[in-house]
Amino acid sequence: MATRLLRMNGDYEPLGQLWIPHFIARNPRVASIVGRTIESARTTAASYETI
């Protein structure tokens, strides 16, 4: 997303390797969430009707 915003403004330089950690350090309200595994039966049973 950041790359897209830069390109829309005419900046085509690639982001650095430490861009994400530095961005998170500057913006403490931003965090990442570790995903959890889910049982196959739960994913296959989910539908719009049951939800």
N, C-alpha and C. Protein backbone atom coordinates (compact mmCIF):
# COMPACT_ATOMS: atom_id res chain seq x y z
N MET A 1 0.82 -1.18 0.00
CA MET A 1 0.00 0.00 0.00
C MET A 1 0.87 1.25 0.00
N ALA A 2 1.93 1.23 0.80
CA ALA A 2 2.82 2.39 0.84
C ALA A 2 3.46 2.63 -0.52
N THR A 3 3.85 1.55 -1.18
CA THR A 3 4.46 1.67 -2.50
C THR A 3 3.46 2.27 -3.48
N ARG A 4 2.22 1.86 -3.39
CA ARG A 4 1.19 2.39 -4.29
C ARG A 4 1.00 3.89 -4.07
N LEU A 5 0.96 4.31 -2.81
CA LEU A 5 0.81 5.74 -2.52
C LEU A 5 1.99 6.54 -3.06
N LEU A 6 3.19 6.01 -2.89
CA LEU A 6 4.37 6.70 -3.41
C LEU A 6 4.30 6.82 -4.93
N ARG A 7 3.93 5.74 -5.61
CA ARG A 7 3.86 5.77 -7.07
C ARG A 7 2.79 6.72 -7.57
N MET A 8 1.69 6.83 -6.84
CA MET A 8 0.65 7.77 -7.23
C MET A 8 1.16 9.20 -7.17
N ASN A 9 2.16 9.46 -6.31
CA ASN A 9 2.74 10.79 -6.18
C ASN A 9 4.02 10.95 -6.99
N GLY A 10 4.31 9.98 -7.87
CA GLY A 10 5.45 10.11 -8.76
C GLY A 10 6.77 9.61 -8.20
N ASP A 11 6.78 8.96 -7.05
CA ASP A 11 8.02 8.45 -6.45
C ASP A 11 8.11 6.96 -6.74
N TYR A 12 9.08 6.57 -7.57
CA TYR A 12 9.21 5.17 -7.97
C TYR A 12 10.40 4.47 -7.31
N GLU A 13 11.01 5.10 -6.33
CA GLU A 13 12.12 4.47 -5.61
C GLU A 13 11.58 3.36 -4.72
N PRO A 14 12.28 2.22 -4.64
CA PRO A 14 11.81 1.14 -3.76
C PRO A 14 11.99 1.51 -2.29
N LEU A 15 11.13 0.94 -1.45
CA LEU A 15 11.26 1.16 -0.01
C LEU A 15 12.44 0.35 0.51
N GLY A 16 13.07 0.83 1.57
CA GLY A 16 14.21 0.14 2.15
C GLY A 16 13.80 -1.09 2.95
N GLN A 17 14.79 -1.91 3.29
CA GLN A 17 14.53 -3.14 4.03
C GLN A 17 13.99 -2.86 5.43
N LEU A 18 14.36 -1.75 6.02
CA LEU A 18 13.93 -1.44 7.39
C LEU A 18 12.74 -0.50 7.44
N TRP A 19 12.09 -0.29 6.30
CA TRP A 19 10.97 0.65 6.28
C TRP A 19 9.85 0.22 7.22
N ILE A 20 9.46 -1.04 7.19
CA ILE A 20 8.34 -1.50 8.02
C ILE A 20 8.65 -1.40 9.51
N PRO A 21 9.80 -1.91 10.00
CA PRO A 21 10.08 -1.75 11.44
C PRO A 21 10.16 -0.30 11.88
N HIS A 22 10.72 0.56 11.03
CA HIS A 22 10.80 1.98 11.39
C HIS A 22 9.41 2.62 11.41
N PHE A 23 8.55 2.24 10.46
CA PHE A 23 7.19 2.76 10.45
C PHE A 23 6.44 2.36 11.71
N ILE A 24 6.56 1.10 12.11
CA ILE A 24 5.89 0.62 13.32
C ILE A 24 6.44 1.31 14.55
N ALA A 25 7.74 1.56 14.59
CA ALA A 25 8.34 2.26 15.74
C ALA A 25 7.83 3.70 15.82
N ARG A 26 7.61 4.34 14.67
CA ARG A 26 7.11 5.72 14.66
C ARG A 26 5.62 5.79 14.96
N ASN A 27 4.91 4.70 14.75
CA ASN A 27 3.45 4.68 14.91
C ASN A 27 3.06 3.55 15.87
N PRO A 28 3.16 3.79 17.17
CA PRO A 28 2.92 2.70 18.14
C PRO A 28 1.49 2.16 18.12
N ARG A 29 0.55 2.89 17.57
CA ARG A 29 -0.83 2.38 17.50
C ARG A 29 -0.99 1.30 16.44
N VAL A 30 -0.02 1.21 15.54
CA VAL A 30 -0.05 0.19 14.50
C VAL A 30 0.63 -1.06 15.03
N ALA A 31 0.00 -2.19 14.85
CA ALA A 31 0.59 -3.45 15.31
C ALA A 31 0.20 -4.56 14.34
N SER A 32 0.94 -5.63 14.40
CA SER A 32 0.59 -6.79 13.59
C SER A 32 0.00 -7.86 14.50
N ILE A 33 -0.82 -8.69 13.93
CA ILE A 33 -1.48 -9.75 14.68
C ILE A 33 -1.04 -11.08 14.10
N VAL A 34 -0.67 -11.99 14.98
CA VAL A 34 -0.27 -13.32 14.55
C VAL A 34 -1.53 -14.15 14.33
N GLY A 35 -1.62 -14.75 13.17
CA GLY A 35 -2.80 -15.55 12.84
C GLY A 35 -2.85 -16.85 13.63
N ARG A 36 -4.04 -17.37 13.77
CA ARG A 36 -4.24 -18.65 14.45
C ARG A 36 -4.74 -19.67 13.45
N THR A 37 -4.39 -20.92 13.68
CA THR A 37 -4.89 -21.97 12.80
C THR A 37 -6.34 -22.25 13.14
N ILE A 38 -7.06 -22.76 12.17
CA ILE A 38 -8.47 -23.08 12.36
C ILE A 38 -8.71 -24.48 11.80
N GLU A 39 -9.58 -25.20 12.43
CA GLU A 39 -9.88 -26.56 11.99
C GLU A 39 -10.51 -26.55 10.60
N SER A 40 -10.15 -27.55 9.82
CA SER A 40 -10.68 -27.66 8.46
C SER A 40 -12.20 -27.77 8.47
N ALA A 41 -12.75 -28.48 9.43
CA ALA A 41 -14.21 -28.65 9.49
C ALA A 41 -14.90 -27.31 9.71
N ARG A 42 -14.29 -26.43 10.46
CA ARG A 42 -14.90 -25.12 10.71
C ARG A 42 -14.89 -24.26 9.46
N THR A 43 -13.80 -24.33 8.70
CA THR A 43 -13.73 -23.50 7.50
C THR A 43 -14.66 -24.01 6.41
N THR A 44 -14.80 -25.32 6.29
CA THR A 44 -15.67 -25.85 5.24
C THR A 44 -17.14 -25.73 5.61
N ALA A 45 -17.46 -25.66 6.90
CA ALA A 45 -18.85 -25.55 7.33
C ALA A 45 -19.35 -24.11 7.30
N ALA A 46 -18.45 -23.16 7.21
CA ALA A 46 -18.85 -21.75 7.23
C ALA A 46 -19.51 -21.37 5.90
N SER A 47 -20.64 -20.71 6.01
CA SER A 47 -21.34 -20.20 4.83
C SER A 47 -22.08 -18.94 5.25
N TYR A 48 -22.59 -18.21 4.28
CA TYR A 48 -23.33 -16.98 4.60
C TYR A 48 -24.58 -17.29 5.44
N GLU A 49 -25.20 -18.43 5.18
CA GLU A 49 -26.41 -18.78 5.92
C GLU A 49 -26.11 -19.07 7.39
N THR A 50 -25.00 -19.77 7.67
CA THR A 50 -24.69 -20.12 9.06
C THR A 50 -24.12 -18.95 9.83
N ILE A 51 -23.50 -18.03 9.13
CA ILE A 51 -22.92 -16.87 9.81
C ILE A 51 -24.01 -15.86 10.03
